[in-house]
Structures are given as C-alpha cells and as structure tokens.
C-alpha cells in the first residue's frame, strides 16, 4: 500500500538538526527528529503503518476514530513508546 516515500515531507532546519515532517493525511503526521519518531493521530485508512517506523512518541489529540485508531496504534507501539493522550483516550490504549 504505502511507504514513507509516498507522502509529502517538509524539512525544517533547527539548531539541533533537521526536523522532518511527513504529512500522512487528515490529522495524521509523522515527525522525525534526532533519531526519534513521533506519530500524531495515526489513521490506518490513510497509510499502511506496518511499513512505517514504530513510534518513540505517540500523540493522540482526541477520541474520534480517525484520530484514535486502535489497530493502527497497536501497530506503532513498542516497549519504548511513550503515549500522550487525553484521559478519555488513554484508558483505551493498551501496553505493548
């Protein structure tokens, strides 16, 4: 289905290195910075997340299914993933 090269990416130069922002679609973004991967509102209807890197940090903005896609979240979690989500969402996200 999709890989990282299928999406529009912007690079912002910072004093600490490049911040790469990949626009997956709708509210879904992936940031790459200093060897860390940050996924925001990953939604499986927009990408094959099994082909994208696991999340070091996962940010969920709210409980709508196109922002809190449990199957996609499960795909991105690793033992090291830090999850930040509103309380209404956090209880639904299981440990990897």
N, C-alpha and C. Protein backbone atom coordinates (compact mmCIF):
# COMPACT_ATOMS: atom_id res chain seq x y z
N UNK A 1 0.83 -1.19 0.00
CA UNK A 1 0.00 0.00 0.00
C UNK A 1 0.87 1.25 0.00
N UNK A 2 1.42 1.65 1.14
CA UNK A 2 2.17 2.91 1.18
C UNK A 2 3.47 2.74 1.95
N UNK A 3 4.43 3.55 1.59
CA UNK A 3 5.66 3.64 2.37
C UNK A 3 5.99 5.11 2.54
N UNK A 4 7.02 5.40 3.25
CA UNK A 4 7.35 6.77 3.62
C UNK A 4 7.54 7.68 2.40
N UNK A 5 7.97 7.13 1.29
CA UNK A 5 8.21 7.94 0.10
C UNK A 5 6.93 8.36 -0.62
N UNK A 6 5.79 7.81 -0.20
CA UNK A 6 4.51 8.13 -0.83
C UNK A 6 3.90 9.43 -0.32
N UNK A 7 4.50 10.06 0.67
CA UNK A 7 3.89 11.20 1.34
C UNK A 7 4.74 12.46 1.19
N UNK A 8 4.06 13.59 1.25
CA UNK A 8 4.75 14.88 1.20
C UNK A 8 5.52 15.09 2.50
N UNK A 9 6.74 15.55 2.38
CA UNK A 9 7.60 15.77 3.54
C UNK A 9 8.24 17.14 3.46
N UNK A 10 8.24 17.83 4.59
CA UNK A 10 8.95 19.10 4.71
C UNK A 10 10.10 18.91 5.69
N UNK A 11 11.17 19.64 5.49
CA UNK A 11 12.31 19.61 6.41
C UNK A 11 12.54 21.02 6.93
N UNK A 12 12.58 21.12 8.24
CA UNK A 12 12.84 22.40 8.89
C UNK A 12 14.20 22.29 9.58
N UNK A 13 15.08 23.19 9.23
CA UNK A 13 16.40 23.23 9.84
C UNK A 13 16.29 23.84 11.24
N UNK A 14 16.88 23.19 12.23
CA UNK A 14 16.93 23.73 13.58
C UNK A 14 18.36 23.71 14.07
N UNK A 15 18.63 24.37 15.17
CA UNK A 15 19.99 24.38 15.72
C UNK A 15 20.38 23.00 16.26
N UNK A 16 19.40 22.13 16.46
CA UNK A 16 19.67 20.78 16.97
C UNK A 16 19.61 19.71 15.87
N UNK A 17 19.46 20.14 14.62
CA UNK A 17 19.37 19.21 13.50
C UNK A 17 18.05 19.39 12.76
N UNK A 18 17.87 18.59 11.72
CA UNK A 18 16.68 18.71 10.89
C UNK A 18 15.46 18.09 11.56
N UNK A 19 14.33 18.77 11.44
CA UNK A 19 13.02 18.23 11.82
C UNK A 19 12.32 17.90 10.51
N UNK A 20 12.02 16.62 10.32
CA UNK A 20 11.34 16.17 9.12
C UNK A 20 9.87 15.94 9.47
N UNK A 21 8.97 16.59 8.76
CA UNK A 21 7.54 16.48 9.00
C UNK A 21 6.92 15.80 7.78
N UNK A 22 6.32 14.65 8.01
CA UNK A 22 5.68 13.91 6.93
C UNK A 22 4.17 14.00 7.11
N UNK A 23 3.50 14.52 6.10
CA UNK A 23 2.05 14.67 6.12
C UNK A 23 1.43 13.39 5.57
N UNK A 24 0.81 12.60 6.46
CA UNK A 24 0.17 11.36 6.05
C UNK A 24 -1.21 11.66 5.47
N UNK A 25 -1.94 12.56 6.09
CA UNK A 25 -3.27 12.94 5.62
C UNK A 25 -4.18 13.25 6.80
N UNK A 26 -5.25 13.99 6.54
CA UNK A 26 -6.22 14.41 7.56
C UNK A 26 -5.44 15.01 8.73
N UNK A 27 -5.50 14.42 9.93
CA UNK A 27 -4.76 14.93 11.08
C UNK A 27 -3.51 14.12 11.39
N UNK A 28 -3.14 13.22 10.49
CA UNK A 28 -2.03 12.29 10.73
C UNK A 28 -0.71 12.84 10.21
N UNK A 29 0.25 12.93 11.13
CA UNK A 29 1.60 13.41 10.80
C UNK A 29 2.62 12.46 11.40
N UNK A 30 3.81 12.48 10.84
CA UNK A 30 4.95 11.78 11.44
C UNK A 30 6.12 12.75 11.45
N UNK A 31 6.70 12.95 12.63
CA UNK A 31 7.89 13.78 12.77
C UNK A 31 9.09 12.87 12.98
N UNK A 32 10.19 13.21 12.34
CA UNK A 32 11.46 12.55 12.59
C UNK A 32 12.44 13.62 13.04
N UNK A 33 13.00 13.42 14.23
CA UNK A 33 13.92 14.41 14.78
C UNK A 33 14.91 13.71 15.69
N UNK A 34 16.17 13.92 15.42
CA UNK A 34 17.23 13.39 16.28
C UNK A 34 17.04 11.90 16.55
N UNK A 35 16.83 11.13 15.49
CA UNK A 35 16.66 9.67 15.57
C UNK A 35 15.41 9.24 16.33
N UNK A 36 14.46 10.14 16.54
CA UNK A 36 13.21 9.81 17.19
C UNK A 36 12.06 9.94 16.19
N UNK A 37 11.07 9.06 16.35
CA UNK A 37 9.89 9.07 15.51
C UNK A 37 8.69 9.44 16.37
N UNK A 38 7.95 10.46 15.93
CA UNK A 38 6.76 10.92 16.63
C UNK A 38 5.58 10.79 15.66
N UNK A 39 4.60 9.99 16.05
CA UNK A 39 3.38 9.86 15.25
C UNK A 39 2.27 10.64 15.93
N UNK A 40 1.51 11.38 15.15
CA UNK A 40 0.38 12.15 15.66
C UNK A 40 -0.88 11.65 14.97
N UNK A 41 -1.85 11.23 15.77
CA UNK A 41 -3.16 10.77 15.28
C UNK A 41 -3.05 9.82 14.08
N UNK A 42 -2.32 8.71 14.22
CA UNK A 42 -2.20 7.79 13.10
C UNK A 42 -3.54 7.16 12.74
N UNK A 43 -3.87 7.14 11.45
CA UNK A 43 -5.15 6.64 10.98
C UNK A 43 -4.89 5.65 9.84
N UNK A 44 -5.24 4.40 10.08
CA UNK A 44 -4.92 3.32 9.16
C UNK A 44 -5.59 3.38 7.80
N UNK A 45 -6.62 4.21 7.64
CA UNK A 45 -7.25 4.36 6.33
C UNK A 45 -6.38 5.17 5.37
N UNK A 46 -5.36 5.82 5.91
CA UNK A 46 -4.52 6.71 5.10
C UNK A 46 -3.18 6.11 4.72
N UNK A 47 -2.74 5.09 5.45
CA UNK A 47 -1.40 4.54 5.21
C UNK A 47 -1.31 3.13 5.76
N UNK A 48 -0.37 2.38 5.24
CA UNK A 48 -0.04 1.07 5.79
C UNK A 48 1.04 1.30 6.85
N UNK A 49 0.61 1.49 8.08
CA UNK A 49 1.54 1.83 9.16
C UNK A 49 2.49 0.70 9.50
N UNK A 50 2.22 -0.50 9.05
CA UNK A 50 3.18 -1.60 9.28
C UNK A 50 4.45 -1.37 8.48
N UNK A 51 4.39 -0.49 7.49
CA UNK A 51 5.56 -0.19 6.67
C UNK A 51 6.27 1.09 7.11
N UNK A 52 5.73 1.74 8.15
CA UNK A 52 6.34 2.95 8.68
C UNK A 52 7.03 2.63 10.00
N UNK A 53 7.97 3.46 10.43
CA UNK A 53 8.70 3.16 11.67
C UNK A 53 7.79 3.21 12.90
N UNK A 54 8.14 2.39 13.89
CA UNK A 54 7.44 2.39 15.18
C UNK A 54 7.60 3.75 15.84
N UNK A 55 6.68 4.06 16.73
CA UNK A 55 6.69 5.36 17.41
C UNK A 55 7.58 5.34 18.64
N UNK A 56 8.43 6.36 18.77
CA UNK A 56 9.10 6.61 20.05
C UNK A 56 8.14 7.40 20.94
N UNK A 57 7.37 8.29 20.30
CA UNK A 57 6.36 9.09 20.98
C UNK A 57 5.11 9.05 20.12
N UNK A 58 3.97 8.79 20.76
CA UNK A 58 2.69 8.75 20.07
C UNK A 58 1.78 9.78 20.71
N UNK A 59 1.30 10.73 19.90
CA UNK A 59 0.42 11.79 20.39
C UNK A 59 -0.97 11.58 19.81
N UNK A 60 -1.97 11.52 20.68
CA UNK A 60 -3.36 11.38 20.27
C UNK A 60 -4.09 12.63 20.74
N UNK A 61 -4.83 13.28 19.84
CA UNK A 61 -5.47 14.54 20.19
C UNK A 61 -6.86 14.39 20.79
N UNK A 62 -7.64 13.41 20.29
CA UNK A 62 -8.98 13.21 20.83
C UNK A 62 -9.52 11.85 20.42
N UNK A 63 -10.74 11.53 20.87
CA UNK A 63 -11.27 10.17 20.80
C UNK A 63 -11.96 9.78 19.50
N UNK A 64 -12.10 10.64 18.53
CA UNK A 64 -12.73 10.24 17.27
C UNK A 64 -11.91 9.14 16.60
N UNK A 65 -12.59 8.21 15.95
CA UNK A 65 -11.91 7.03 15.41
C UNK A 65 -10.87 7.34 14.34
N UNK A 66 -10.95 8.51 13.71
CA UNK A 66 -9.93 8.88 12.73
C UNK A 66 -8.73 9.56 13.39
N UNK A 67 -8.72 9.59 14.72
CA UNK A 67 -7.59 10.10 15.49
C UNK A 67 -7.13 9.07 16.53
N UNK A 68 -8.06 8.26 16.98
CA UNK A 68 -7.79 7.20 17.96
C UNK A 68 -8.13 5.87 17.28
N UNK A 69 -7.27 5.48 16.34
CA UNK A 69 -7.44 4.24 15.57
C UNK A 69 -6.66 3.15 16.29
N UNK A 70 -7.38 2.34 17.05
CA UNK A 70 -6.72 1.38 17.94
C UNK A 70 -5.85 0.37 17.20
N UNK A 71 -6.30 -0.14 16.06
CA UNK A 71 -5.49 -1.11 15.32
C UNK A 71 -4.17 -0.49 14.87
N UNK A 72 -4.23 0.73 14.39
CA UNK A 72 -3.02 1.41 13.93
C UNK A 72 -2.10 1.73 15.11
N UNK A 73 -2.69 2.16 16.21
CA UNK A 73 -1.89 2.44 17.41
C UNK A 73 -1.15 1.19 17.84
N UNK A 74 -1.85 0.06 17.87
CA UNK A 74 -1.21 -1.21 18.25
C UNK A 74 -0.03 -1.54 17.34
N UNK A 75 -0.15 -1.21 16.06
CA UNK A 75 0.91 -1.46 15.09
C UNK A 75 2.15 -0.62 15.39
N UNK A 76 1.95 0.58 15.91
CA UNK A 76 3.07 1.52 16.11
C UNK A 76 3.73 1.41 17.48
N UNK A 77 3.09 0.74 18.42
CA UNK A 77 3.64 0.67 19.77
C UNK A 77 4.82 -0.29 19.86
N UNK A 78 5.80 0.11 20.65
CA UNK A 78 6.90 -0.77 21.03
C UNK A 78 7.04 -0.68 22.55
N UNK A 79 7.91 -1.45 23.10
CA UNK A 79 8.14 -1.42 24.55
C UNK A 79 8.60 -0.04 25.02
N UNK A 80 9.23 0.73 24.13
CA UNK A 80 9.78 2.03 24.49
C UNK A 80 8.85 3.20 24.16
N UNK A 81 7.74 2.95 23.50
CA UNK A 81 6.87 4.04 23.07
C UNK A 81 6.26 4.78 24.26
N UNK A 82 6.36 6.10 24.21
CA UNK A 82 5.68 6.96 25.18
C UNK A 82 4.41 7.45 24.52
N UNK A 83 3.28 7.32 25.22
CA UNK A 83 1.99 7.74 24.67
C UNK A 83 1.49 8.94 25.46
N UNK A 84 1.09 9.97 24.72
CA UNK A 84 0.46 11.14 25.33
C UNK A 84 -0.91 11.29 24.68
N UNK A 85 -1.96 11.26 25.55
CA UNK A 85 -3.33 11.31 25.05
C UNK A 85 -4.23 11.88 26.12
N UNK A 86 -5.35 12.46 25.74
CA UNK A 86 -6.32 12.90 26.74
C UNK A 86 -6.80 11.70 27.57
N UNK A 87 -7.24 11.97 28.76
CA UNK A 87 -7.68 10.90 29.66
C UNK A 87 -8.74 10.01 29.02
N UNK A 88 -9.65 10.60 28.26
CA UNK A 88 -10.71 9.83 27.62
C UNK A 88 -10.16 8.80 26.64
N UNK A 89 -8.97 9.03 26.11
CA UNK A 89 -8.33 8.12 25.16
C UNK A 89 -7.35 7.17 25.83
N UNK A 90 -6.64 7.67 26.81
CA UNK A 90 -5.53 6.93 27.41
C UNK A 90 -5.94 5.57 27.95
N UNK A 91 -7.10 5.47 28.55
CA UNK A 91 -7.55 4.21 29.12
C UNK A 91 -7.83 3.15 28.08
N UNK A 92 -8.00 3.52 26.85
CA UNK A 92 -8.28 2.56 25.76
C UNK A 92 -7.01 2.03 25.10
N UNK A 93 -5.88 2.68 25.35
CA UNK A 93 -4.62 2.27 24.73
C UNK A 93 -3.93 1.27 25.64
N UNK A 94 -3.71 0.07 25.12
CA UNK A 94 -3.11 -0.97 25.94
C UNK A 94 -1.59 -0.95 25.83
N UNK A 95 -0.94 -1.48 26.84
CA UNK A 95 0.52 -1.59 26.82
C UNK A 95 0.94 -2.57 25.74
N UNK A 96 2.09 -2.30 25.08
CA UNK A 96 2.57 -3.22 24.04
C UNK A 96 2.98 -4.56 24.61
